[in-house]
Amino acid sequence: MVTASQRIRGVILWEGVYHWFAQIHSPFSRASSSDDADAHPTSDAQLADINLFEAFVHQHERQILNFLWRMTADEQTAFDLSQETFLRAWQHFTTIRAYERPRAWLFRVATNLALSHLRRQPGASADISMVDEDESATVSDPIVHFVESDLVRQILLALAPRRRAALILCEVYGFTAEEVAQVLGITRSALKMTLSRGREQFRQMYAKEMRS
């Protein structure tokens, strides 16, 4: 039996999801008669698009799914938002497949979906209190290691969603500051503040837990 943690790491592929996207969004799939089918034949180019998109999803699905799981801490929500992300990717596939780094586009969509979801949750919009600038961390900076542990996940989930997203994108997925600023739709100076406060808050919470 496959566990939830195995599924969330992408062990189970989305069987049929690629062709489902194609069937509900491609003109030729809506033919209801032989005449319509003749009017909208399945061309080699359309089949090639479907195959390219399937490969595209295979290439990026694990990172997007894991990112959304880190953001929401809920397996079903991560799956739902992942599918919505790739549905939008299919709708814009002609454009984004020409991008040099389409991954950034995917993460921008996934991040916006996650932040919108979290804003709708009870208490999600509450502002996180400012960190105590006078308190010095008593342990080495744990954020640069990002070990997969319950403690790290719990602390991340205690951060404001935008800070959480910024840290995960930078520290886990290796996005540059400029890329993260574009994903979050903020200036680089605003991102610098978000990361600084997020890292400091993370360090203090981590140090507190380690002392307790």
N, C-alpha and C. Protein backbone atom coordinates (compact mmCIF):
# COMPACT_ATOMS: atom_id res chain seq x y z
N MET A 1 0.85 -1.20 0.00
CA MET A 1 0.00 0.00 0.00
C MET A 1 0.88 1.25 0.00
N VAL A 2 0.56 2.19 -0.87
CA VAL A 2 1.34 3.42 -0.97
C VAL A 2 0.86 4.41 0.07
N THR A 3 1.79 4.97 0.81
CA THR A 3 1.45 5.92 1.87
C THR A 3 1.24 7.30 1.30
N ALA A 4 0.64 8.17 2.13
CA ALA A 4 0.40 9.56 1.71
C ALA A 4 1.71 10.27 1.43
N SER A 5 2.73 10.01 2.26
CA SER A 5 4.01 10.69 2.07
C SER A 5 4.66 10.27 0.76
N GLN A 6 4.44 9.01 0.34
CA GLN A 6 4.98 8.58 -0.95
C GLN A 6 4.24 9.25 -2.09
N ARG A 7 2.91 9.37 -1.96
CA ARG A 7 2.15 10.02 -3.01
C ARG A 7 2.56 11.47 -3.16
N ILE A 8 2.77 12.15 -2.03
CA ILE A 8 3.07 13.57 -2.10
C ILE A 8 4.43 13.81 -2.73
N ARG A 9 5.30 12.84 -2.72
CA ARG A 9 6.61 12.99 -3.35
C ARG A 9 6.59 12.58 -4.81
N GLY A 10 5.41 12.35 -5.34
CA GLY A 10 5.28 12.14 -6.77
C GLY A 10 5.45 10.71 -7.22
N VAL A 11 5.35 9.73 -6.28
CA VAL A 11 5.49 8.34 -6.68
C VAL A 11 4.35 7.93 -7.61
N ILE A 12 3.13 8.38 -7.30
CA ILE A 12 1.99 8.09 -8.15
C ILE A 12 1.84 9.20 -9.17
N LEU A 13 1.84 8.84 -10.44
CA LEU A 13 1.67 9.82 -11.50
C LEU A 13 0.19 10.09 -11.69
N TRP A 14 -0.11 11.20 -12.33
CA TRP A 14 -1.50 11.56 -12.58
C TRP A 14 -1.98 10.84 -13.82
N GLU A 15 -2.48 9.65 -13.63
CA GLU A 15 -2.88 8.84 -14.77
C GLU A 15 -4.02 9.51 -15.53
N GLY A 16 -3.77 9.73 -16.81
CA GLY A 16 -4.81 10.27 -17.67
C GLY A 16 -5.02 11.76 -17.61
N VAL A 17 -4.33 12.47 -16.70
CA VAL A 17 -4.62 13.89 -16.54
C VAL A 17 -4.22 14.68 -17.78
N TYR A 18 -3.16 14.29 -18.44
CA TYR A 18 -2.70 15.02 -19.61
C TYR A 18 -3.73 14.97 -20.72
N HIS A 19 -4.27 13.77 -20.97
CA HIS A 19 -5.24 13.63 -22.04
C HIS A 19 -6.59 14.23 -21.63
N TRP A 20 -6.86 14.26 -20.36
CA TRP A 20 -8.07 14.94 -19.89
C TRP A 20 -7.99 16.42 -20.20
N PHE A 21 -6.83 17.02 -19.94
CA PHE A 21 -6.63 18.42 -20.31
C PHE A 21 -6.91 18.61 -21.80
N ALA A 22 -6.34 17.72 -22.60
CA ALA A 22 -6.49 17.86 -24.04
C ALA A 22 -7.94 17.70 -24.47
N GLN A 23 -8.63 16.75 -23.90
CA GLN A 23 -10.00 16.47 -24.32
C GLN A 23 -10.96 17.60 -24.00
N ILE A 24 -10.76 18.30 -22.87
CA ILE A 24 -11.72 19.34 -22.52
C ILE A 24 -11.36 20.70 -23.06
N HIS A 25 -10.15 20.83 -23.58
CA HIS A 25 -9.74 22.15 -24.07
C HIS A 25 -9.38 22.19 -25.56
N SER A 26 -9.29 21.04 -26.21
CA SER A 26 -8.95 21.04 -27.63
C SER A 26 -10.21 21.04 -28.47
N PRO A 27 -10.29 21.84 -29.53
CA PRO A 27 -11.49 21.92 -30.34
C PRO A 27 -11.92 20.59 -30.92
N PHE A 28 -10.94 19.76 -31.34
CA PHE A 28 -11.31 18.52 -32.01
C PHE A 28 -11.95 17.52 -31.06
N SER A 29 -11.79 17.71 -29.76
CA SER A 29 -12.34 16.75 -28.80
C SER A 29 -13.83 16.94 -28.63
N ARG A 30 -14.37 18.07 -29.05
CA ARG A 30 -15.78 18.35 -28.81
C ARG A 30 -16.67 17.93 -29.97
N ALA A 31 -16.09 17.24 -30.96
CA ALA A 31 -16.89 16.80 -32.08
C ALA A 31 -17.93 15.79 -31.62
N SER A 32 -19.19 16.03 -31.99
CA SER A 32 -20.28 15.16 -31.55
C SER A 32 -20.83 14.31 -32.67
N SER A 33 -20.33 14.51 -33.90
CA SER A 33 -20.80 13.73 -35.03
C SER A 33 -19.63 13.46 -35.95
N SER A 34 -19.85 12.56 -36.91
CA SER A 34 -18.78 12.25 -37.84
C SER A 34 -18.41 13.46 -38.67
N ASP A 35 -19.43 14.30 -39.01
CA ASP A 35 -19.13 15.52 -39.76
C ASP A 35 -18.26 16.45 -38.95
N ASP A 36 -18.60 16.61 -37.66
CA ASP A 36 -17.79 17.46 -36.79
C ASP A 36 -16.39 16.90 -36.66
N ALA A 37 -16.30 15.60 -36.56
CA ALA A 37 -14.98 14.97 -36.42
C ALA A 37 -14.14 15.24 -37.65
N ASP A 38 -14.80 15.20 -38.83
CA ASP A 38 -14.06 15.49 -40.05
C ASP A 38 -13.64 16.95 -40.10
N ALA A 39 -14.50 17.84 -39.49
CA ALA A 39 -14.19 19.27 -39.50
C ALA A 39 -13.05 19.60 -38.56
N HIS A 40 -12.90 18.80 -37.51
CA HIS A 40 -11.86 19.06 -36.50
C HIS A 40 -11.01 17.81 -36.31
N PRO A 41 -10.26 17.41 -37.29
CA PRO A 41 -9.46 16.18 -37.16
C PRO A 41 -8.32 16.37 -36.18
N THR A 42 -7.91 15.25 -35.61
CA THR A 42 -6.76 15.27 -34.71
C THR A 42 -5.50 15.32 -35.56
N SER A 43 -4.85 16.44 -35.59
CA SER A 43 -3.67 16.59 -36.44
C SER A 43 -2.43 16.07 -35.73
N ASP A 44 -1.41 15.83 -36.54
CA ASP A 44 -0.13 15.41 -35.97
C ASP A 44 0.42 16.48 -35.04
N ALA A 45 0.20 17.74 -35.38
CA ALA A 45 0.70 18.84 -34.55
C ALA A 45 0.00 18.85 -33.19
N GLN A 46 -1.31 18.59 -33.19
CA GLN A 46 -2.06 18.57 -31.93
C GLN A 46 -1.62 17.41 -31.05
N LEU A 47 -1.41 16.26 -31.67
CA LEU A 47 -0.93 15.11 -30.91
C LEU A 47 0.47 15.37 -30.37
N ALA A 48 1.28 16.05 -31.15
CA ALA A 48 2.63 16.39 -30.70
C ALA A 48 2.57 17.32 -29.50
N ASP A 49 1.62 18.28 -29.52
CA ASP A 49 1.45 19.18 -28.39
C ASP A 49 1.10 18.42 -27.12
N ILE A 50 0.20 17.45 -27.26
CA ILE A 50 -0.22 16.65 -26.11
C ILE A 50 0.98 15.87 -25.56
N ASN A 51 1.76 15.29 -26.44
CA ASN A 51 2.93 14.52 -26.00
C ASN A 51 3.97 15.42 -25.33
N LEU A 52 4.17 16.61 -25.90
CA LEU A 52 5.11 17.56 -25.30
C LEU A 52 4.62 18.00 -23.93
N PHE A 53 3.33 18.22 -23.81
CA PHE A 53 2.79 18.65 -22.52
C PHE A 53 2.90 17.54 -21.48
N GLU A 54 2.67 16.32 -21.90
CA GLU A 54 2.83 15.19 -20.97
C GLU A 54 4.26 15.14 -20.44
N ALA A 55 5.23 15.31 -21.32
CA ALA A 55 6.63 15.32 -20.88
C ALA A 55 6.91 16.51 -19.98
N PHE A 56 6.30 17.63 -20.28
CA PHE A 56 6.45 18.85 -19.48
C PHE A 56 5.94 18.63 -18.06
N VAL A 57 4.77 18.01 -17.94
CA VAL A 57 4.22 17.72 -16.61
C VAL A 57 5.11 16.75 -15.86
N HIS A 58 5.54 15.69 -16.53
CA HIS A 58 6.43 14.72 -15.89
C HIS A 58 7.69 15.41 -15.36
N GLN A 59 8.18 16.38 -16.08
CA GLN A 59 9.43 17.05 -15.69
C GLN A 59 9.26 17.91 -14.45
N HIS A 60 8.09 18.54 -14.30
CA HIS A 60 7.93 19.55 -13.26
C HIS A 60 6.95 19.18 -12.14
N GLU A 61 6.18 18.12 -12.28
CA GLU A 61 5.09 17.88 -11.35
C GLU A 61 5.56 17.64 -9.92
N ARG A 62 6.67 16.94 -9.74
CA ARG A 62 7.10 16.64 -8.37
C ARG A 62 7.47 17.91 -7.62
N GLN A 63 8.21 18.80 -8.28
CA GLN A 63 8.61 20.04 -7.61
C GLN A 63 7.39 20.89 -7.28
N ILE A 64 6.45 21.01 -8.20
CA ILE A 64 5.26 21.82 -7.94
C ILE A 64 4.42 21.21 -6.84
N LEU A 65 4.25 19.90 -6.86
CA LEU A 65 3.46 19.22 -5.85
C LEU A 65 4.09 19.36 -4.47
N ASN A 66 5.39 19.14 -4.39
CA ASN A 66 6.08 19.27 -3.11
C ASN A 66 6.07 20.70 -2.59
N PHE A 67 6.23 21.66 -3.49
CA PHE A 67 6.17 23.07 -3.10
C PHE A 67 4.81 23.40 -2.50
N LEU A 68 3.74 22.97 -3.15
CA LEU A 68 2.40 23.27 -2.65
C LEU A 68 2.11 22.52 -1.35
N TRP A 69 2.70 21.36 -1.19
CA TRP A 69 2.55 20.65 0.09
C TRP A 69 3.26 21.40 1.20
N ARG A 70 4.45 21.92 0.91
CA ARG A 70 5.16 22.72 1.91
C ARG A 70 4.39 23.99 2.26
N MET A 71 3.73 24.56 1.27
CA MET A 71 2.98 25.79 1.50
C MET A 71 1.70 25.56 2.28
N THR A 72 1.00 24.47 2.00
CA THR A 72 -0.34 24.26 2.57
C THR A 72 -0.39 23.22 3.67
N ALA A 73 0.59 22.31 3.70
CA ALA A 73 0.63 21.22 4.69
C ALA A 73 -0.59 20.31 4.59
N ASP A 74 -1.21 20.28 3.43
CA ASP A 74 -2.39 19.44 3.25
C ASP A 74 -2.25 18.70 1.92
N GLU A 75 -2.30 17.39 1.97
CA GLU A 75 -2.06 16.58 0.77
C GLU A 75 -3.09 16.84 -0.31
N GLN A 76 -4.37 16.78 0.04
CA GLN A 76 -5.40 16.95 -0.97
C GLN A 76 -5.37 18.34 -1.58
N THR A 77 -5.13 19.34 -0.74
CA THR A 77 -5.03 20.71 -1.26
C THR A 77 -3.86 20.84 -2.21
N ALA A 78 -2.74 20.23 -1.86
CA ALA A 78 -1.56 20.27 -2.73
C ALA A 78 -1.87 19.64 -4.08
N PHE A 79 -2.56 18.50 -4.09
CA PHE A 79 -2.93 17.86 -5.34
C PHE A 79 -3.87 18.74 -6.15
N ASP A 80 -4.88 19.30 -5.48
CA ASP A 80 -5.87 20.12 -6.19
C ASP A 80 -5.21 21.34 -6.83
N LEU A 81 -4.35 22.02 -6.07
CA LEU A 81 -3.69 23.21 -6.59
C LEU A 81 -2.67 22.85 -7.67
N SER A 82 -2.05 21.68 -7.55
CA SER A 82 -1.13 21.23 -8.59
C SER A 82 -1.87 21.02 -9.90
N GLN A 83 -3.00 20.38 -9.83
CA GLN A 83 -3.78 20.14 -11.04
C GLN A 83 -4.25 21.45 -11.66
N GLU A 84 -4.65 22.41 -10.81
CA GLU A 84 -5.05 23.71 -11.32
C GLU A 84 -3.87 24.43 -11.97
N THR A 85 -2.69 24.29 -11.38
CA THR A 85 -1.49 24.89 -11.96
C THR A 85 -1.23 24.36 -13.36
N PHE A 86 -1.29 23.03 -13.52
CA PHE A 86 -1.00 22.45 -14.82
C PHE A 86 -2.15 22.61 -15.81
N LEU A 87 -3.36 22.75 -15.31
CA LEU A 87 -4.46 23.10 -16.20
C LEU A 87 -4.20 24.46 -16.84
N ARG A 88 -3.78 25.41 -16.04
CA ARG A 88 -3.46 26.74 -16.58
C ARG A 88 -2.25 26.67 -17.50
N ALA A 89 -1.31 25.79 -17.17
CA ALA A 89 -0.15 25.64 -18.05
C ALA A 89 -0.58 25.11 -19.41
N TRP A 90 -1.51 24.16 -19.42
CA TRP A 90 -2.01 23.64 -20.70
C TRP A 90 -2.70 24.74 -21.51
N GLN A 91 -3.46 25.58 -20.83
CA GLN A 91 -4.18 26.64 -21.51
C GLN A 91 -3.23 27.65 -22.15
N HIS A 92 -2.01 27.77 -21.60
CA HIS A 92 -1.02 28.73 -22.12
C HIS A 92 0.22 28.02 -22.66
N PHE A 93 0.08 26.75 -22.97
CA PHE A 93 1.27 25.96 -23.28
C PHE A 93 2.01 26.45 -24.51
N THR A 94 1.28 26.91 -25.52
CA THR A 94 1.92 27.40 -26.73
C THR A 94 2.91 28.52 -26.43
N THR A 95 2.55 29.34 -25.42
CA THR A 95 3.41 30.46 -25.05
C THR A 95 4.54 30.04 -24.13
N ILE A 96 4.21 29.32 -23.05
CA ILE A 96 5.21 29.07 -22.01
C ILE A 96 6.26 28.04 -22.44
N ARG A 97 5.92 27.17 -23.38
CA ARG A 97 6.92 26.18 -23.78
C ARG A 97 8.08 26.83 -24.53
N ALA A 98 7.88 28.07 -24.99
CA ALA A 98 8.96 28.79 -25.66
C ALA A 98 9.84 29.55 -24.68
N TYR A 99 9.43 29.61 -23.39
CA TYR A 99 10.22 30.32 -22.40
C TYR A 99 11.52 29.58 -22.15
N GLU A 100 12.56 30.35 -21.83
CA GLU A 100 13.84 29.74 -21.50
C GLU A 100 13.74 28.99 -20.17
N ARG A 101 12.96 29.55 -19.23
CA ARG A 101 12.79 28.91 -17.93
C ARG A 101 11.31 28.83 -17.58
N PRO A 102 10.58 27.88 -18.15
CA PRO A 102 9.14 27.78 -17.87
C PRO A 102 8.83 27.44 -16.42
N ARG A 103 9.82 26.89 -15.71
CA ARG A 103 9.60 26.55 -14.31
C ARG A 103 9.21 27.77 -13.50
N ALA A 104 9.79 28.92 -13.80
CA ALA A 104 9.45 30.14 -13.07
C ALA A 104 7.98 30.50 -13.26
N TRP A 105 7.47 30.30 -14.46
CA TRP A 105 6.05 30.56 -14.73
C TRP A 105 5.18 29.63 -13.88
N LEU A 106 5.53 28.35 -13.85
CA LEU A 106 4.76 27.39 -13.07
C LEU A 106 4.75 27.76 -11.59
N PHE A 107 5.91 28.12 -11.05
CA PHE A 107 5.98 28.46 -9.64
C PHE A 107 5.23 29.75 -9.33
N ARG A 108 5.20 30.68 -10.27
CA ARG A 108 4.44 31.91 -10.04
C ARG A 108 2.94 31.58 -9.94
N VAL A 109 2.45 30.73 -10.84
CA VAL A 109 1.04 30.33 -10.78
C VAL A 109 0.76 29.54 -9.51
N ALA A 110 1.62 28.58 -9.18
CA ALA A 110 1.43 27.75 -7.98
C ALA A 110 1.47 28.60 -6.71
N THR A 111 2.38 29.56 -6.67
CA THR A 111 2.48 30.44 -5.50
C THR A 111 1.23 31.29 -5.35
N ASN A 112 0.75 31.87 -6.43
CA ASN A 112 -0.46 32.69 -6.36
C ASN A 112 -1.66 31.86 -5.92
N LEU A 113 -1.77 30.64 -6.43
CA LEU A 113 -2.87 29.77 -6.02
C LEU A 113 -2.77 29.42 -4.54
N ALA A 114 -1.56 29.13 -4.07
CA ALA A 114 -1.37 28.79 -2.66
C ALA A 114 -1.69 29.97 -1.76
N LEU A 115 -1.21 31.16 -2.12
CA LEU A 115 -1.47 32.34 -1.30
C LEU A 115 -2.96 32.67 -1.28
N SER A 116 -3.63 32.53 -2.41
CA SER A 116 -5.07 32.77 -2.46
C SER A 116 -5.81 31.77 -1.58
N HIS A 117 -5.39 30.51 -1.63
CA HIS A 117 -6.01 29.48 -0.79
C HIS A 117 -5.80 29.79 0.70
N LEU A 118 -4.58 30.16 1.05
CA LEU A 118 -4.28 30.41 2.46
C LEU A 118 -5.01 31.65 2.98
N ARG A 119 -5.21 32.65 2.12
CA ARG A 119 -5.96 33.83 2.57
C ARG A 119 -7.40 33.50 2.92
N ARG A 120 -7.93 32.44 2.31
CA ARG A 120 -9.32 32.06 2.59
C ARG A 120 -9.45 31.21 3.84
N GLN A 121 -8.32 30.78 4.41
CA GLN A 121 -8.38 29.94 5.60
C GLN A 121 -8.53 30.79 6.86
N PRO A 122 -9.23 30.29 7.88
CA PRO A 122 -9.40 31.04 9.13
C PRO A 122 -8.06 31.41 9.76
N GLY A 123 -7.88 32.71 10.01
CA GLY A 123 -6.66 33.19 10.66
C GLY A 123 -5.49 33.35 9.73
N ALA A 124 -5.65 32.96 8.46
CA ALA A 124 -4.51 33.02 7.54
C ALA A 124 -4.08 34.44 7.24
N SER A 125 -5.03 35.38 7.34
CA SER A 125 -4.69 36.75 7.00
C SER A 125 -4.15 37.54 8.18
N ALA A 126 -4.11 36.89 9.34
CA ALA A 126 -3.60 37.57 10.53
C ALA A 126 -2.13 37.91 10.34
N ASP A 127 -1.75 39.08 10.74
CA ASP A 127 -0.38 39.53 10.55
C ASP A 127 0.52 38.87 11.58
N ILE A 128 1.67 38.40 11.13
CA ILE A 128 2.64 37.81 12.06
C ILE A 128 3.37 38.95 12.78
N SER A 129 3.53 38.79 14.08
CA SER A 129 4.18 39.84 14.84
C SER A 129 5.63 39.99 14.42
N MET A 130 6.15 41.19 14.59
CA MET A 130 7.53 41.45 14.23
C MET A 130 8.47 40.65 15.10
N VAL A 131 9.60 40.27 14.54
CA VAL A 131 10.57 39.51 15.33
C VAL A 131 11.22 40.42 16.36
N ASP A 132 11.73 39.79 17.39
CA ASP A 132 12.43 40.52 18.45
C ASP A 132 13.85 40.81 17.99
N GLU A 133 14.12 42.04 17.61
CA GLU A 133 15.44 42.37 17.06
C GLU A 133 16.54 42.28 18.11
N ASP A 134 16.18 42.25 19.39
CA ASP A 134 17.20 42.21 20.44
C ASP A 134 17.62 40.79 20.79
N GLU A 135 16.84 39.82 20.35
CA GLU A 135 17.16 38.44 20.71
C GLU A 135 18.11 37.85 19.69
N SER A 136 19.21 37.31 20.14
CA SER A 136 20.19 36.70 19.26
C SER A 136 19.95 35.19 19.20
N ALA A 137 20.06 34.63 18.01
CA ALA A 137 19.88 33.20 17.86
C ALA A 137 21.01 32.47 18.55
N THR A 138 20.68 31.38 19.25
CA THR A 138 21.69 30.64 19.99
C THR A 138 22.15 29.39 19.24
N VAL A 139 21.60 29.17 18.05
CA VAL A 139 22.03 28.03 17.25
C VAL A 139 22.42 28.56 15.88
N SER A 140 23.18 27.73 15.13
CA SER A 140 23.54 28.14 13.78
C SER A 140 22.29 28.25 12.93
N ASP A 141 22.36 29.05 11.90
CA ASP A 141 21.19 29.33 11.08
C ASP A 141 20.65 28.05 10.46
N PRO A 142 19.48 27.57 10.89
CA PRO A 142 18.97 26.30 10.37
C PRO A 142 18.31 26.45 9.01
N ILE A 143 17.98 27.66 8.62
CA ILE A 143 17.22 27.84 7.39
C ILE A 143 18.03 27.46 6.17
N VAL A 144 19.36 27.56 6.27
CA VAL A 144 20.18 27.25 5.10
C VAL A 144 20.26 25.75 4.86
N HIS A 145 19.90 24.94 5.84
CA HIS A 145 19.97 23.49 5.69
C HIS A 145 18.63 22.91 5.23
N PHE A 146 17.56 23.43 5.74
CA PHE A 146 16.23 23.00 5.35
C PHE A 146 16.08 21.48 5.37
N VAL A 147 16.45 20.89 6.48
CA VAL A 147 16.25 19.45 6.60
C VAL A 147 14.76 19.15 6.61
N GLU A 148 14.41 17.99 6.09
CA GLU A 148 13.00 17.61 6.06
C GLU A 148 12.64 17.02 7.42
N SER A 149 12.19 17.84 8.31
CA SER A 149 11.82 17.38 9.63
C SER A 149 10.50 18.01 10.02
N ASP A 150 9.81 17.38 10.98
CA ASP A 150 8.54 17.92 11.44
C ASP A 150 8.72 19.31 12.03
N LEU A 151 9.83 19.53 12.73
CA LEU A 151 10.06 20.83 13.36
C LEU A 151 10.17 21.93 12.31
N VAL A 152 10.95 21.68 11.26
CA VAL A 152 11.12 22.68 10.21
C VAL A 152 9.79 22.98 9.55
N ARG A 153 9.03 21.94 9.25
CA ARG A 153 7.73 22.15 8.61
C ARG A 153 6.78 22.93 9.51
N GLN A 154 6.79 22.63 10.80
CA GLN A 154 5.91 23.33 11.74
C GLN A 154 6.28 24.80 11.82
N ILE A 155 7.57 25.10 11.85
CA ILE A 155 8.00 26.50 11.94
C ILE A 155 7.65 27.24 10.65
N LEU A 156 7.87 26.60 9.52
CA LEU A 156 7.52 27.23 8.24
C LEU A 156 6.04 27.57 8.20
N LEU A 157 5.21 26.66 8.69
CA LEU A 157 3.78 26.89 8.65
C LEU A 157 3.34 27.99 9.60
N ALA A 158 4.18 28.31 10.58
CA ALA A 158 3.87 29.40 11.51
C ALA A 158 4.21 30.76 10.93
N LEU A 159 4.98 30.78 9.84
CA LEU A 159 5.34 32.04 9.20
C LEU A 159 4.18 32.56 8.36
N ALA A 160 4.16 33.86 8.15
CA ALA A 160 3.20 34.44 7.23
C ALA A 160 3.40 33.80 5.85
N PRO A 161 2.32 33.52 5.11
CA PRO A 161 2.44 32.79 3.84
C PRO A 161 3.45 33.38 2.86
N ARG A 162 3.51 34.71 2.76
CA ARG A 162 4.44 35.31 1.81
C ARG A 162 5.89 35.08 2.24
N ARG A 163 6.16 35.17 3.54
CA ARG A 163 7.51 34.88 4.03
C ARG A 163 7.84 33.41 3.80
N ARG A 164 6.87 32.56 4.05
CA ARG A 164 7.06 31.12 3.85
C ARG A 164 7.42 30.85 2.39
N ALA A 165 6.66 31.43 1.47
CA ALA A 165 6.91 31.22 0.05
C ALA A 165 8.30 31.71 -0.35
N ALA A 166 8.68 32.88 0.14
CA ALA A 166 9.97 33.45 -0.22
C ALA A 166 11.11 32.55 0.25
N LEU A 167 11.02 32.06 1.47
CA LEU A 167 12.08 31.20 2.01
C LEU A 167 12.15 29.88 1.24
N ILE A 168 11.01 29.27 0.99
CA ILE A 168 11.01 27.98 0.30
C ILE A 168 11.56 28.12 -1.12
N LEU A 169 11.13 29.17 -1.81
CA LEU A 169 11.59 29.36 -3.18
C LEU A 169 13.11 29.59 -3.24
N CYS A 170 13.62 30.38 -2.28
CA CYS A 170 15.06 30.66 -2.26
C CYS A 170 15.88 29.48 -1.78
N GLU A 171 15.49 28.92 -0.63
CA GLU A 171 16.34 27.96 0.05
C GLU A 171 16.16 26.53 -0.45
N VAL A 172 14.97 26.18 -0.89
CA VAL A 172 14.73 24.81 -1.33
C VAL A 172 14.91 24.68 -2.84
N TYR A 173 14.35 25.64 -3.59
CA TYR A 173 14.31 25.50 -5.04
C TYR A 173 15.35 26.35 -5.76
N GLY A 174 16.13 27.10 -5.02
CA GLY A 174 17.27 27.78 -5.60
C GLY A 174 16.96 28.93 -6.54
N PHE A 175 15.80 29.55 -6.40
CA PHE A 175 15.50 30.72 -7.21
C PHE A 175 16.34 31.91 -6.76
N THR A 176 16.70 32.74 -7.71
CA THR A 176 17.42 33.96 -7.38
C THR A 176 16.47 34.97 -6.76
N ALA A 177 17.04 36.01 -6.13
CA ALA A 177 16.22 37.05 -5.53
C ALA A 177 15.33 37.72 -6.58
N GLU A 178 15.88 37.96 -7.75
CA GLU A 178 15.10 38.59 -8.81
C GLU A 178 13.93 37.71 -9.24
N GLU A 179 14.17 36.40 -9.35
CA GLU A 179 13.11 35.48 -9.74
C GLU A 179 12.02 35.39 -8.69
N VAL A 180 12.41 35.35 -7.41
CA VAL A 180 11.42 35.27 -6.33
C VAL A 180 10.59 36.54 -6.27
N ALA A 181 11.24 37.68 -6.46
CA ALA A 181 10.51 38.95 -6.48
C ALA A 181 9.46 38.95 -7.59
N GLN A 182 9.82 38.40 -8.76
CA GLN A 182 8.87 38.33 -9.86
C GLN A 182 7.74 37.36 -9.55
N VAL A 183 8.06 36.22 -8.94
CA VAL A 183 7.03 35.25 -8.57
C VAL A 183 6.03 35.87 -7.60
N LEU A 184 6.53 36.61 -6.61
CA LEU A 184 5.66 37.19 -5.59
C LEU A 184 5.06 38.53 -6.00
N GLY A 185 5.55 39.08 -7.11
CA GLY A 185 5.02 40.35 -7.58
C GLY A 185 5.39 41.52 -6.69
N ILE A 186 6.61 41.50 -6.17
CA ILE A 186 7.08 42.57 -5.29
C ILE A 186 8.44 43.06 -5.78
N THR A 187 8.89 44.18 -5.27
CA THR A 187 10.19 44.71 -5.65
C THR A 187 11.29 43.91 -4.96
N ARG A 188 12.52 44.06 -5.45
CA ARG A 188 13.64 43.36 -4.83
C ARG A 188 13.89 43.87 -3.41
N SER A 189 13.68 45.17 -3.19
CA SER A 189 13.88 45.70 -1.83
C SER A 189 12.83 45.14 -0.89
N ALA A 190 11.59 44.99 -1.37
CA ALA A 190 10.55 44.40 -0.53
C ALA A 190 10.86 42.93 -0.26
N LEU A 191 11.37 42.23 -1.27
CA LEU A 191 11.74 40.83 -1.06
C LEU A 191 12.87 40.72 -0.04
N LYS A 192 13.85 41.62 -0.12
CA LYS A 192 14.96 41.58 0.83
C LYS A 192 14.45 41.71 2.25
N MET A 193 13.48 42.59 2.46
CA MET A 193 12.89 42.75 3.79
C MET A 193 12.12 41.50 4.20
N THR A 194 11.35 40.95 3.26
CA THR A 194 10.57 39.75 3.55
C THR A 194 11.48 38.58 3.94
N LEU A 195 12.56 38.39 3.18
CA LEU A 195 13.49 37.30 3.49
C LEU A 195 14.21 37.53 4.81
N SER A 196 14.63 38.76 5.06
CA SER A 196 15.34 39.06 6.29
C SER A 196 14.48 38.78 7.51
N ARG A 197 13.26 39.27 7.48
CA ARG A 197 12.36 39.05 8.61
C ARG A 197 11.96 37.59 8.72
N GLY A 198 11.76 36.94 7.58
CA GLY A 198 11.40 35.53 7.61
C GLY A 198 12.51 34.68 8.19
N ARG A 199 13.74 34.92 7.76
CA ARG A 199 14.88 34.15 8.29
C ARG A 199 15.07 34.40 9.78
N GLU A 200 14.95 35.66 10.20
CA GLU A 200 15.14 35.97 11.61
C GLU A 200 14.04 35.34 12.45
N GLN A 201 12.81 35.40 11.98
CA GLN A 201 11.71 34.78 12.71
C GLN A 201 11.90 33.27 12.78
N PHE A 202 12.33 32.68 11.67
CA PHE A 202 12.58 31.24 11.65
C PHE A 202 13.67 30.87 12.65
N ARG A 203 14.78 31.62 12.65
CA ARG A 203 15.89 31.32 13.57
C ARG A 203 15.44 31.39 15.01
N GLN A 204 14.68 32.43 15.35
CA GLN A 204 14.25 32.59 16.74
C GLN A 204 13.31 31.47 17.16
N MET A 205 12.38 31.11 16.28
CA MET A 205 11.45 30.03 16.63
C MET A 205 12.18 28.70 16.74
N TYR A 206 13.15 28.49 15.85
CA TYR A 206 13.94 27.25 15.88
C TYR A 206 14.76 27.19 17.17
N ALA A 207 15.40 28.30 17.52
CA ALA A 207 16.21 28.34 18.74
C ALA A 207 15.34 28.09 19.97
N LYS A 208 14.17 28.68 19.99
CA LYS A 208 13.26 28.50 21.12
C LYS A 208 12.86 27.03 21.27
N GLU A 209 12.55 26.38 20.15
CA GLU A 209 12.17 24.97 20.20
C GLU A 209 13.34 24.09 20.63
N MET A 210 14.53 24.43 20.20
CA MET A 210 15.70 23.64 20.57
C MET A 210 16.02 23.76 22.04
N ARG A 211 15.70 24.93 22.63
CA ARG A 211 15.97 25.15 24.06
C ARG A 211 14.91 24.49 24.94
N SER A 212 13.73 24.29 24.40
CA SER A 212 12.63 23.76 25.20
C SER A 212 12.71 22.23 25.35
